[in-house]
Amino acid sequence: MTVHPYQGMIDGHELAMRQVARHGVDRYRSEAEQAAKVLIEAGELALAIAVHEQQHHGAHDIDQCPGVRSELADTGLSLYLLASKLGLGLIACMDELVENDGRRFR
């Protein structure tokens, strides 16, 4: 298995569970509901990127855009919650995919 450069940082699963605890309830209880939430958040992220490119370009870099940062966080937290509900480690699944992906693109 690959050693990850961010190992030792706060785990996304831990952050996602902390957010649920702060909210007091998990509003998306099933795997299907959580998967739908991931899609909604990914759409909001795409919109935030488009808004940045159209309205905020030049005002600040995209990595400093509050809307993009917030929606990226929401998307990531939703994805980590989905992985937890599926009983999977998101980074482990990603590592497995990368290690076994023999495709070549030209």
PDB file of N, CA and C in Angstrom:
ATOM      1  N   MET A   1       0.838  -1.184   0.000  1.00  0.00           N
ATOM      2  CA  MET A   1       0.000   0.000   0.000  1.00  0.00           C
ATOM      3  C   MET A   1       0.881   1.244   0.000  1.00  0.00           C
ATOM      4  N   THR A   2       0.428   2.273  -0.653  1.00  0.00           N
ATOM      5  CA  THR A   2       1.159   3.522  -0.784  1.00  0.00           C
ATOM      6  C   THR A   2       1.115   4.314   0.521  1.00  0.00           C
ATOM      7  N   VAL A   3       2.227   4.965   0.851  1.00  0.00           N
ATOM      8  CA  VAL A   3       2.249   5.869   1.995  1.00  0.00           C
ATOM      9  C   VAL A   3       1.725   7.211   1.498  1.00  0.00           C
ATOM     10  N   HIS A   4       0.750   7.747   2.171  1.00  0.00           N
ATOM     11  CA  HIS A   4       0.117   8.985   1.748  1.00  0.00           C
ATOM     12  C   HIS A   4       0.810  10.186   2.375  1.00  0.00           C
ATOM     13  N   PRO A   5       1.066  11.246   1.584  1.00  0.00           N
ATOM     14  CA  PRO A   5       1.781  12.410   2.117  1.00  0.00           C
ATOM     15  C   PRO A   5       1.008  13.151   3.201  1.00  0.00           C
ATOM     16  N   TYR A   6      -0.314  12.967   3.270  1.00  0.00           N
ATOM     17  CA  TYR A   6      -1.111  13.677   4.264  1.00  0.00           C
ATOM     18  C   TYR A   6      -1.446  12.803   5.466  1.00  0.00           C
ATOM     19  N   GLN A   7      -0.799  11.638   5.544  1.00  0.00           N
ATOM     20  CA  GLN A   7      -1.045  10.753   6.672  1.00  0.00           C
ATOM     21  C   GLN A   7      -0.714  11.491   7.961  1.00  0.00           C
ATOM     22  N   GLY A   8      -1.548  11.340   8.953  1.00  0.00           N
ATOM     23  CA  GLY A   8      -1.340  12.020  10.223  1.00  0.00           C
ATOM     24  C   GLY A   8      -2.201  13.254  10.370  1.00  0.00           C
ATOM     25  N   MET A   9      -2.754  13.737   9.258  1.00  0.00           N
ATOM     26  CA  MET A   9      -3.673  14.867   9.334  1.00  0.00           C
ATOM     27  C   MET A   9      -5.021  14.346   9.810  1.00  0.00           C
ATOM     28  N   ILE A  10      -5.914  15.244  10.151  1.00  0.00           N
ATOM     29  CA  ILE A  10      -7.251  14.837  10.590  1.00  0.00           C
ATOM     30  C   ILE A  10      -7.918  14.069   9.468  1.00  0.00           C
ATOM     31  N   ASP A  11      -8.468  12.938   9.807  1.00  0.00           N
ATOM     32  CA  ASP A  11      -9.127  12.073   8.843  1.00  0.00           C
ATOM     33  C   ASP A  11     -10.468  12.663   8.421  1.00  0.00           C
ATOM     34  N   GLY A  12     -10.784  12.547   7.147  1.00  0.00           N
ATOM     35  CA  GLY A  12     -12.047  13.050   6.633  1.00  0.00           C
ATOM     36  C   GLY A  12     -13.246  12.388   7.274  1.00  0.00           C
ATOM     37  N   HIS A  13     -13.127  11.096   7.597  1.00  0.00           N
ATOM     38  CA  HIS A  13     -14.225  10.401   8.272  1.00  0.00           C
ATOM     39  C   HIS A  13     -14.490  11.034   9.643  1.00  0.00           C
ATOM     40  N   GLU A  14     -13.411  11.346  10.350  1.00  0.00           N
ATOM     41  CA  GLU A  14     -13.538  11.965  11.671  1.00  0.00           C
ATOM     42  C   GLU A  14     -14.196  13.346  11.559  1.00  0.00           C
ATOM     43  N   LEU A  15     -13.774  14.137  10.583  1.00  0.00           N
ATOM     44  CA  LEU A  15     -14.376  15.456  10.395  1.00  0.00           C
ATOM     45  C   LEU A  15     -15.851  15.354  10.048  1.00  0.00           C
ATOM     46  N   ALA A  16     -16.195  14.412   9.183  1.00  0.00           N
ATOM     47  CA  ALA A  16     -17.595  14.244   8.789  1.00  0.00           C
ATOM     48  C   ALA A  16     -18.454  13.850   9.985  1.00  0.00           C
ATOM     49  N   MET A  17     -17.952  12.963  10.816  1.00  0.00           N
ATOM     50  CA  MET A  17     -18.715  12.546  11.991  1.00  0.00           C
ATOM     51  C   MET A  17     -18.836  13.695  12.996  1.00  0.00           C
ATOM     52  N   ARG A  18     -17.794  14.519  13.082  1.00  0.00           N
ATOM     53  CA  ARG A  18     -17.853  15.685  13.967  1.00  0.00           C
ATOM     54  C   ARG A  18     -18.932  16.664  13.491  1.00  0.00           C
ATOM     55  N   GLN A  19     -19.051  16.827  12.187  1.00  0.00           N
ATOM     56  CA  GLN A  19     -20.083  17.716  11.651  1.00  0.00           C
ATOM     57  C   GLN A  19     -21.483  17.181  11.971  1.00  0.00           C
ATOM     58  N   VAL A  20     -21.683  15.880  11.803  1.00  0.00           N
ATOM     59  CA  VAL A  20     -22.987  15.279  12.125  1.00  0.00           C
ATOM     60  C   VAL A  20     -23.299  15.494  13.607  1.00  0.00           C
ATOM     61  N   ALA A  21     -22.301  15.296  14.460  1.00  0.00           N
ATOM     62  CA  ALA A  21     -22.509  15.494  15.900  1.00  0.00           C
ATOM     63  C   ALA A  21     -22.891  16.940  16.209  1.00  0.00           C
ATOM     64  N   ARG A  22     -22.242  17.885  15.536  1.00  0.00           N
ATOM     65  CA  ARG A  22     -22.573  19.299  15.761  1.00  0.00           C
ATOM     66  C   ARG A  22     -23.978  19.624  15.291  1.00  0.00           C
ATOM     67  N   HIS A  23     -24.410  18.990  14.217  1.00  0.00           N
ATOM     68  CA  HIS A  23     -25.767  19.218  13.708  1.00  0.00           C
ATOM     69  C   HIS A  23     -26.813  18.560  14.599  1.00  0.00           C
ATOM     70  N   GLY A  24     -26.417  17.546  15.346  1.00  0.00           N
ATOM     71  CA  GLY A  24     -27.326  16.873  16.259  1.00  0.00           C
ATOM     72  C   GLY A  24     -28.102  15.725  15.650  1.00  0.00           C
ATOM     73  N   VAL A  25     -28.062  15.593  14.326  1.00  0.00           N
ATOM     74  CA  VAL A  25     -28.789  14.519  13.656  1.00  0.00           C
ATOM     75  C   VAL A  25     -28.178  14.303  12.268  1.00  0.00           C
ATOM     76  N   ASP A  26     -28.216  13.071  11.821  1.00  0.00           N
ATOM     77  CA  ASP A  26     -27.793  12.746  10.460  1.00  0.00           C
ATOM     78  C   ASP A  26     -29.037  12.828   9.574  1.00  0.00           C
ATOM     79  N   ARG A  27     -29.121  13.870   8.787  1.00  0.00           N
ATOM     80  CA  ARG A  27     -30.323  14.092   7.974  1.00  0.00           C
ATOM     81  C   ARG A  27     -30.425  13.130   6.796  1.00  0.00           C
ATOM     82  N   TYR A  28     -29.334  12.496   6.411  1.00  0.00           N
ATOM     83  CA  TYR A  28     -29.310  11.587   5.266  1.00  0.00           C
ATOM     84  C   TYR A  28     -28.950  10.199   5.786  1.00  0.00           C
ATOM     85  N   ARG A  29     -29.949   9.470   6.246  1.00  0.00           N
ATOM     86  CA  ARG A  29     -29.717   8.236   6.999  1.00  0.00           C
ATOM     87  C   ARG A  29     -29.339   7.040   6.138  1.00  0.00           C
ATOM     88  N   SER A  30     -29.844   6.956   4.925  1.00  0.00           N
ATOM     89  CA  SER A  30     -29.552   5.784   4.094  1.00  0.00           C
ATOM     90  C   SER A  30     -28.389   6.068   3.143  1.00  0.00           C
ATOM     91  N   GLU A  31     -27.819   5.014   2.629  1.00  0.00           N
ATOM     92  CA  GLU A  31     -26.743   5.147   1.648  1.00  0.00           C
ATOM     93  C   GLU A  31     -27.234   5.901   0.411  1.00  0.00           C
ATOM     94  N   ALA A  32     -28.456   5.587  -0.040  1.00  0.00           N
ATOM     95  CA  ALA A  32     -29.003   6.232  -1.240  1.00  0.00           C
ATOM     96  C   ALA A  32     -29.216   7.728  -1.013  1.00  0.00           C
ATOM     97  N   GLU A  33     -29.724   8.093   0.169  1.00  0.00           N
ATOM     98  CA  GLU A  33     -29.913   9.510   0.475  1.00  0.00           C
ATOM     99  C   GLU A  33     -28.574  10.234   0.529  1.00  0.00           C
ATOM    100  N   GLN A  34     -27.576   9.593   1.105  1.00  0.00           N
ATOM    101  CA  GLN A  34     -26.252  10.216   1.201  1.00  0.00           C
ATOM    102  C   GLN A  34     -25.617  10.331  -0.179  1.00  0.00           C
ATOM    103  N   ALA A  35     -25.804   9.325  -1.034  1.00  0.00           N
ATOM    104  CA  ALA A  35     -25.264   9.401  -2.399  1.00  0.00           C
ATOM    105  C   ALA A  35     -25.901  10.561  -3.155  1.00  0.00           C
ATOM    106  N   ALA A  36     -27.188  10.759  -2.974  1.00  0.00           N
ATOM    107  CA  ALA A  36     -27.864  11.891  -3.614  1.00  0.00           C
ATOM    108  C   ALA A  36     -27.304  13.212  -3.082  1.00  0.00           C
ATOM    109  N   LYS A  37     -27.002  13.265  -1.794  1.00  0.00           N
ATOM    110  CA  LYS A  37     -26.420  14.470  -1.196  1.00  0.00           C
ATOM    111  C   LYS A  37     -25.052  14.764  -1.803  1.00  0.00           C
ATOM    112  N   VAL A  38     -24.256  13.737  -2.059  1.00  0.00           N
ATOM    113  CA  VAL A  38     -22.951  13.927  -2.700  1.00  0.00           C
ATOM    114  C   VAL A  38     -23.141  14.590  -4.062  1.00  0.00           C
ATOM    115  N   LEU A  39     -24.114  14.111  -4.832  1.00  0.00           N
ATOM    116  CA  LEU A  39     -24.359  14.687  -6.154  1.00  0.00           C
ATOM    117  C   LEU A  39     -24.801  16.147  -6.053  1.00  0.00           C
ATOM    118  N   ILE A  40     -25.654  16.448  -5.088  1.00  0.00           N
ATOM    119  CA  ILE A  40     -26.104  17.828  -4.896  1.00  0.00           C
ATOM    120  C   ILE A  40     -24.911  18.726  -4.563  1.00  0.00           C
ATOM    121  N   GLU A  41     -24.080  18.275  -3.644  1.00  0.00           N
ATOM    122  CA  GLU A  41     -22.922  19.081  -3.242  1.00  0.00           C
ATOM    123  C   GLU A  41     -21.932  19.236  -4.388  1.00  0.00           C
ATOM    124  N   ALA A  42     -21.731  18.188  -5.186  1.00  0.00           N
ATOM    125  CA  ALA A  42     -20.825  18.288  -6.340  1.00  0.00           C
ATOM    126  C   ALA A  42     -21.361  19.300  -7.347  1.00  0.00           C
ATOM    127  N   GLY A  43     -22.679  19.336  -7.527  1.00  0.00           N
ATOM    128  CA  GLY A  43     -23.282  20.331  -8.405  1.00  0.00           C
ATOM    129  C   GLY A  43     -23.078  21.741  -7.880  1.00  0.00           C
ATOM    130  N   GLU A  44     -23.221  21.912  -6.565  1.00  0.00           N
ATOM    131  CA  GLU A  44     -23.000  23.225  -5.962  1.00  0.00           C
ATOM    132  C   GLU A  44     -21.536  23.649  -6.096  1.00  0.00           C
ATOM    133  N   LEU A  45     -20.619  22.691  -6.026  1.00  0.00           N
ATOM    134  CA  LEU A  45     -19.202  22.989  -6.223  1.00  0.00           C
ATOM    135  C   LEU A  45     -18.949  23.437  -7.663  1.00  0.00           C
ATOM    136  N   ALA A  46     -19.526  22.723  -8.624  1.00  0.00           N
ATOM    137  CA  ALA A  46     -19.365  23.108 -10.023  1.00  0.00           C
ATOM    138  C   ALA A  46     -19.906  24.517 -10.265  1.00  0.00           C
ATOM    139  N   LEU A  47     -21.032  24.824  -9.655  1.00  0.00           N
ATOM    140  CA  LEU A  47     -21.618  26.160  -9.784  1.00  0.00           C
ATOM    141  C   LEU A  47     -20.719  27.219  -9.154  1.00  0.00           C
ATOM    142  N   ALA A  48     -20.166  26.931  -7.984  1.00  0.00           N
ATOM    143  CA  ALA A  48     -19.269  27.887  -7.322  1.00  0.00           C
ATOM    144  C   ALA A  48     -18.039  28.160  -8.175  1.00  0.00           C
ATOM    145  N   ILE A  49     -17.510  27.129  -8.830  1.00  0.00           N
ATOM    146  CA  ILE A  49     -16.358  27.308  -9.719  1.00  0.00           C
ATOM    147  C   ILE A  49     -16.751  28.181 -10.910  1.00  0.00           C
ATOM    148  N   ALA A  50     -17.912  27.909 -11.494  1.00  0.00           N
ATOM    149  CA  ALA A  50     -18.380  28.706 -12.634  1.00  0.00           C
ATOM    150  C   ALA A  50     -18.601  30.161 -12.237  1.00  0.00           C
ATOM    151  N   VAL A  51     -19.198  30.383 -11.065  1.00  0.00           N
ATOM    152  CA  VAL A  51     -19.426  31.749 -10.588  1.00  0.00           C
ATOM    153  C   VAL A  51     -18.092  32.449 -10.385  1.00  0.00           C
ATOM    154  N   HIS A  52     -17.133  31.745  -9.812  1.00  0.00           N
ATOM    155  CA  HIS A  52     -15.813  32.346  -9.614  1.00  0.00           C
ATOM    156  C   HIS A  52     -15.224  32.769 -10.955  1.00  0.00           C
ATOM    157  N   GLU A  53     -15.275  31.870 -11.926  1.00  0.00           N
ATOM    158  CA  GLU A  53     -14.684  32.167 -13.229  1.00  0.00           C
ATOM    159  C   GLU A  53     -15.382  33.333 -13.921  1.00  0.00           C
ATOM    160  N   GLN A  54     -16.680  33.454 -13.727  1.00  0.00           N
ATOM    161  CA  GLN A  54     -17.439  34.506 -14.404  1.00  0.00           C
ATOM    162  C   GLN A  54     -17.463  35.829 -13.650  1.00  0.00           C
ATOM    163  N   GLN A  55     -17.495  35.780 -12.332  1.00  0.00           N
ATOM    164  CA  GLN A  55     -17.720  37.002 -11.564  1.00  0.00           C
ATOM    165  C   GLN A  55     -16.558  37.434 -10.679  1.00  0.00           C
ATOM    166  N   HIS A  56     -15.763  36.498 -10.217  1.00  0.00           N
ATOM    167  CA  HIS A  56     -14.731  36.837  -9.242  1.00  0.00           C
ATOM    168  C   HIS A  56     -13.316  36.715  -9.788  1.00  0.00           C
ATOM    169  N   HIS A  57     -13.186  36.248 -11.024  1.00  0.00           N
ATOM    170  CA  HIS A  57     -11.853  36.062 -11.609  1.00  0.00           C
ATOM    171  C   HIS A  57     -11.104  37.396 -11.580  1.00  0.00           C
ATOM    172  N   GLY A  58      -9.939  37.378 -11.034  1.00  0.00           N
ATOM    173  CA  GLY A  58      -9.156  38.597 -10.900  1.00  0.00           C
ATOM    174  C   GLY A  58      -9.278  39.212  -9.518  1.00  0.00           C
ATOM    175  N   ALA A  59     -10.436  39.051  -8.880  1.00  0.00           N
ATOM    176  CA  ALA A  59     -10.605  39.584  -7.528  1.00  0.00           C
ATOM    177  C   ALA A  59      -9.787  38.779  -6.520  1.00  0.00           C
ATOM    178  N   HIS A  60      -9.744  37.483  -6.728  1.00  0.00           N
ATOM    179  CA  HIS A  60      -8.940  36.595  -5.896  1.00  0.00           C
ATOM    180  C   HIS A  60      -8.730  35.284  -6.656  1.00  0.00           C
ATOM    181  N   ASP A  61      -7.675  34.571  -6.300  1.00  0.00           N
ATOM    182  CA  ASP A  61      -7.402  33.280  -6.932  1.00  0.00           C
ATOM    183  C   ASP A  61      -8.457  32.272  -6.500  1.00  0.00           C
ATOM    184  N   ILE A  62      -8.671  31.262  -7.345  1.00  0.00           N
ATOM    185  CA  ILE A  62      -9.720  30.281  -7.061  1.00  0.00           C
ATOM    186  C   ILE A  62      -9.463  29.551  -5.744  1.00  0.00           C
ATOM    187  N   ASP A  63      -8.191  29.335  -5.386  1.00  0.00           N
ATOM    188  CA  ASP A  63      -7.915  28.629  -4.131  1.00  0.00           C
ATOM    189  C   ASP A  63      -8.211  29.487  -2.906  1.00  0.00           C
ATOM    190  N   GLN A  64      -8.476  30.768  -3.109  1.00  0.00           N
ATOM    191  CA  GLN A  64      -8.849  31.667  -2.016  1.00  0.00           C
ATOM    192  C   GLN A  64     -10.326  32.046  -2.061  1.00  0.00           C
ATOM    193  N   CYS A  65     -11.065  31.497  -3.023  1.00  0.00           N
ATOM    194  CA  CYS A  65     -12.479  31.839  -3.189  1.00  0.00           C
ATOM    195  C   CYS A  65     -13.310  31.184  -2.084  1.00  0.00           C
ATOM    196  N   PRO A  66     -13.959  31.961  -1.229  1.00  0.00           N
ATOM    197  CA  PRO A  66     -14.740  31.382  -0.127  1.00  0.00           C
ATOM    198  C   PRO A  66     -15.829  30.424  -0.598  1.00  0.00           C
ATOM    199  N   GLY A  67     -16.502  30.755  -1.682  1.00  0.00           N
ATOM    200  CA  GLY A  67     -17.568  29.884  -2.189  1.00  0.00           C
ATOM    201  C   GLY A  67     -17.042  28.540  -2.651  1.00  0.00           C
ATOM    202  N   VAL A  68     -15.926  28.548  -3.358  1.00  0.00           N
ATOM    203  CA  VAL A  68     -15.326  27.301  -3.839  1.00  0.00           C
ATOM    204  C   VAL A  68     -14.825  26.480  -2.656  1.00  0.00           C
ATOM    205  N   ARG A  69     -14.157  27.114  -1.730  1.00  0.00           N
ATOM    206  CA  ARG A  69     -13.626  26.402  -0.560  1.00  0.00           C
ATOM    207  C   ARG A  69     -14.743  25.755   0.249  1.00  0.00           C
ATOM    208  N   SER A  70     -15.834  26.491   0.455  1.00  0.00           N
ATOM    209  CA  SER A  70     -16.963  25.979   1.229  1.00  0.00           C
ATOM    210  C   SER A  70     -17.637  24.795   0.529  1.00  0.00           C
ATOM    211  N   GLU A  71     -17.864  24.924  -0.765  1.00  0.00           N
ATOM    212  CA  GLU A  71     -18.530  23.844  -1.491  1.00  0.00           C
ATOM    213  C   GLU A  71     -17.632  22.627  -1.657  1.00  0.00           C
ATOM    214  N   LEU A  72     -16.323  22.844  -1.787  1.00  0.00           N
ATOM    215  CA  LEU A  72     -15.401  21.711  -1.837  1.00  0.00           C
ATOM    216  C   LEU A  72     -15.443  20.951  -0.517  1.00  0.00           C
ATOM    217  N   ALA A  73     -15.475  21.687   0.588  1.00  0.00           N
ATOM    218  CA  ALA A  73     -15.559  21.055   1.907  1.00  0.00           C
ATOM    219  C   ALA A  73     -16.867  20.281   2.058  1.00  0.00           C
ATOM    220  N   ASP A  74     -17.980  20.893   1.659  1.00  0.00           N
ATOM    221  CA  ASP A  74     -19.275  20.206   1.742  1.00  0.00           C
ATOM    222  C   ASP A  74     -19.279  18.923   0.916  1.00  0.00           C
ATOM    223  N   THR A  75     -18.711  18.994  -0.278  1.00  0.00           N
ATOM    224  CA  THR A  75     -18.666  17.819  -1.151  1.00  0.00           C
ATOM    225  C   THR A  75     -17.823  16.714  -0.526  1.00  0.00           C
ATOM    226  N   GLY A  76     -16.655  17.094  -0.013  1.00  0.00           N
ATOM    227  CA  GLY A  76     -15.773  16.110   0.608  1.00  0.00           C
ATOM    228  C   GLY A  76     -16.390  15.476   1.843  1.00  0.00           C
ATOM    229  N   LEU A  77     -16.998  16.285   2.686  1.00  0.00           N
ATOM    230  CA  LEU A  77     -17.628  15.740   3.890  1.00  0.00           C
ATOM    231  C   LEU A  77     -18.764  14.791   3.530  1.00  0.00           C
ATOM    232  N   SER A  78     -19.547  15.155   2.532  1.00  0.00           N
ATOM    233  CA  SER A  78     -20.647  14.282   2.099  1.00  0.00           C
ATOM    234  C   SER A  78     -20.118  12.955   1.566  1.00  0.00           C
ATOM    235  N   LEU A  79     -19.017  13.015   0.829  1.00  0.00           N
ATOM    236  CA  LEU A  79     -18.427  11.788   0.287  1.00  0.00           C
ATOM    237  C   LEU A  79     -17.858  10.907   1.391  1.00  0.00           C
ATOM    238  N   TYR A  80     -17.203  11.529   2.372  1.00  0.00           N
ATOM    239  CA  TYR A  80     -16.695  10.750   3.504  1.00  0.00           C
ATOM    240  C   TYR A  80     -17.831  10.107   4.293  1.00  0.00           C
ATOM    241  N   LEU A  81     -18.941  10.829   4.472  1.00  0.00           N
ATOM    242  CA  LEU A  81     -20.088  10.232   5.171  1.00  0.00           C
ATOM    243  C   LEU A  81     -20.661   9.058   4.388  1.00  0.00           C
ATOM    244  N   LEU A  82     -20.709   9.176   3.072  1.00  0.00           N
ATOM    245  CA  LEU A  82     -21.186   8.061   2.255  1.00  0.00           C
ATOM    246  C   LEU A  82     -20.276   6.851   2.430  1.00  0.00           C
ATOM    247  N   ALA A  83     -18.980   7.069   2.362  1.00  0.00           N
ATOM    248  CA  ALA A  83     -18.029   5.956   2.546  1.00  0.00           C
ATOM    249  C   ALA A  83     -18.229   5.297   3.909  1.00  0.00           C
ATOM    250  N   SER A  84     -18.409   6.100   4.941  1.00  0.00           N
ATOM    251  CA  SER A  84     -18.626   5.546   6.282  1.00  0.00           C
ATOM    252  C   SER A  84     -19.886   4.700   6.327  1.00  0.00           C
ATOM    253  N   LYS A  85     -20.956   5.193   5.707  1.00  0.00           N
ATOM    254  CA  LYS A  85     -22.220   4.440   5.696  1.00  0.00           C
ATOM    255  C   LYS A  85     -22.095   3.139   4.921  1.00  0.00           C
ATOM    256  N   LEU A  86     -21.199   3.119   3.942  1.00  0.00           N
ATOM    257  CA  LEU A  86     -20.961   1.897   3.168  1.00  0.00           C
ATOM    258  C   LEU A  86     -19.968   0.967   3.860  1.00  0.00           C
ATOM    259  N   GLY A  87     -19.387   1.429   4.971  1.00  0.00           N
ATOM    260  CA  GLY A  87     -18.403   0.634   5.695  1.00  0.00           C
ATOM    261  C   GLY A  87     -17.056   0.585   4.992  1.00  0.00           C
ATOM    262  N   LEU A  88     -16.753   1.643   4.237  1.00  0.00           N
ATOM    263  CA  LEU A  88     -15.521   1.694   3.462  1.00  0.00           C
ATOM    264  C   LEU A  88     -14.664   2.874   3.874  1.00  0.00           C
ATOM    265  N   GLY A  89     -13.373   2.721   3.702  1.00  0.00           N
ATOM    266  CA  GLY A  89     -12.450   3.830   3.886  1.00  0.00           C
ATOM    267  C   GLY A  89     -12.250   4.494   2.537  1.00  0.00           C
ATOM    268  N   LEU A  90     -12.577   5.763   2.426  1.00  0.00           N
ATOM    269  CA  LEU A  90     -12.498   6.454   1.147  1.00  0.00           C
ATOM    270  C   LEU A  90     -11.080   6.453   0.584  1.00  0.00           C
ATOM    271  N   ILE A  91     -10.094   6.807   1.392  1.00  0.00           N
ATOM    272  CA  ILE A  91      -8.705   6.842   0.921  1.00  0.00           C
ATOM    273  C   ILE A  91      -8.250   5.443   0.516  1.00  0.00           C
ATOM    274  N   ALA A  92      -8.638   4.422   1.266  1.00  0.00           N
ATOM    275  CA  ALA A  92      -8.266   3.051   0.920  1.00  0.00           C
ATOM    276  C   ALA A  92      -8.858   2.654  -0.434  1.00  0.00           C
ATOM    277  N   CYS A  93     -10.099   3.039  -0.686  1.00  0.00           N
ATOM    278  CA  CYS A  93     -10.729   2.744  -1.982  1.00  0.00           C
ATOM    279  C   CYS A  93     -10.021   3.482  -3.109  1.00  0.00           C
ATOM    280  N   MET A  94      -9.659   4.732  -2.866  1.00  0.00           N
ATOM    281  CA  MET A  94      -8.947   5.505  -3.877  1.00  0.00           C
ATOM    282  C   MET A  94      -7.574   4.911  -4.143  1.00  0.00           C
ATOM    283  N   ASP A  95      -6.881   4.517  -3.089  1.00  0.00           N
ATOM    284  CA  ASP A  95      -5.560   3.909  -3.227  1.00  0.00           C
ATOM    285  C   ASP A  95      -5.649   2.612  -4.029  1.00  0.00           C
ATOM    286  N   GLU A  96      -6.649   1.807  -3.731  1.00  0.00           N
ATOM    287  CA  GLU A  96      -6.858   0.550  -4.450  1.00  0.00           C
ATOM    288  C   GLU A  96      -7.082   0.804  -5.941  1.00  0.00           C
ATOM    289  N   LEU A  97      -7.895   1.795  -6.249  1.00  0.00           N
ATOM    290  CA  LEU A  97      -8.163   2.119  -7.648  1.00  0.00           C
ATOM    291  C   LEU A  97      -6.892   2.551  -8.370  1.00  0.00           C
ATOM    292  N   VAL A  98      -6.140   3.463  -7.753  1.00  0.00           N
ATOM    293  CA  VAL A  98      -4.921   3.974  -8.371  1.00  0.00           C
ATOM    294  C   VAL A  98      -3.905   2.854  -8.574  1.00  0.00           C
ATOM    295  N   GLU A  99      -3.718   2.017  -7.558  1.00  0.00           N
ATOM    296  CA  GLU A  99      -2.738   0.941  -7.644  1.00  0.00           C
ATOM    297  C   GLU A  99      -3.097  -0.102  -8.707  1.00  0.00           C
ATOM    298  N   ASN A 100      -4.385  -0.301  -8.947  1.00  0.00           N
ATOM    299  CA  ASN A 100      -4.824  -1.332  -9.897  1.00  0.00           C
ATOM    300  C   ASN A 100      -5.210  -0.788 -11.262  1.00  0.00           C
ATOM    301  N   ASP A 101      -5.079   0.504 -11.466  1.00  0.00           N
ATOM    302  CA  ASP A 101      -5.486   1.118 -12.729  1.00  0.00           C
ATOM    303  C   ASP A 101      -4.337   1.061 -13.723  1.00  0.00           C
ATOM    304  N   GLY A 102      -4.455   0.150 -14.657  1.00  0.00           N
ATOM    305  CA  GLY A 102      -3.411  -0.024 -15.657  1.00  0.00           C
ATOM    306  C   GLY A 102      -3.685   0.710 -16.967  1.00  0.00           C
ATOM    307  N   ARG A 103      -4.724   1.533 -16.984  1.00  0.00           N
ATOM    308  CA  ARG A 103      -5.060   2.231 -18.230  1.00  0.00           C
ATOM    309  C   ARG A 103      -3.985   3.226 -18.601  1.00  0.00           C
ATOM    310  N   ARG A 104      -3.823   3.427 -19.911  1.00  0.00           N
ATOM    311  CA  ARG A 104      -2.899   4.437 -20.441  1.00  0.00           C
ATOM    312  C   ARG A 104      -3.679   5.298 -21.409  1.00  0.00           C
ATOM    313  N   PHE A 105      -3.510   6.589 -21.323  1.00  0.00           N
ATOM    314  CA  PHE A 105      -4.194   7.506 -22.197  1.00  0.00           C
ATOM    315  C   PHE A 105      -3.178   8.206 -23.099  1.00  0.00           C
ATOM    316  N   ARG A 106      -3.580   8.386 -24.326  1.00  0.00           N
ATOM    317  CA  ARG A 106      -2.687   9.053 -25.290  1.00  0.00           C
ATOM    318  C   ARG A 106      -3.361  10.234 -25.889  1.00  0.00           C
TER     319      ARG A 106
END
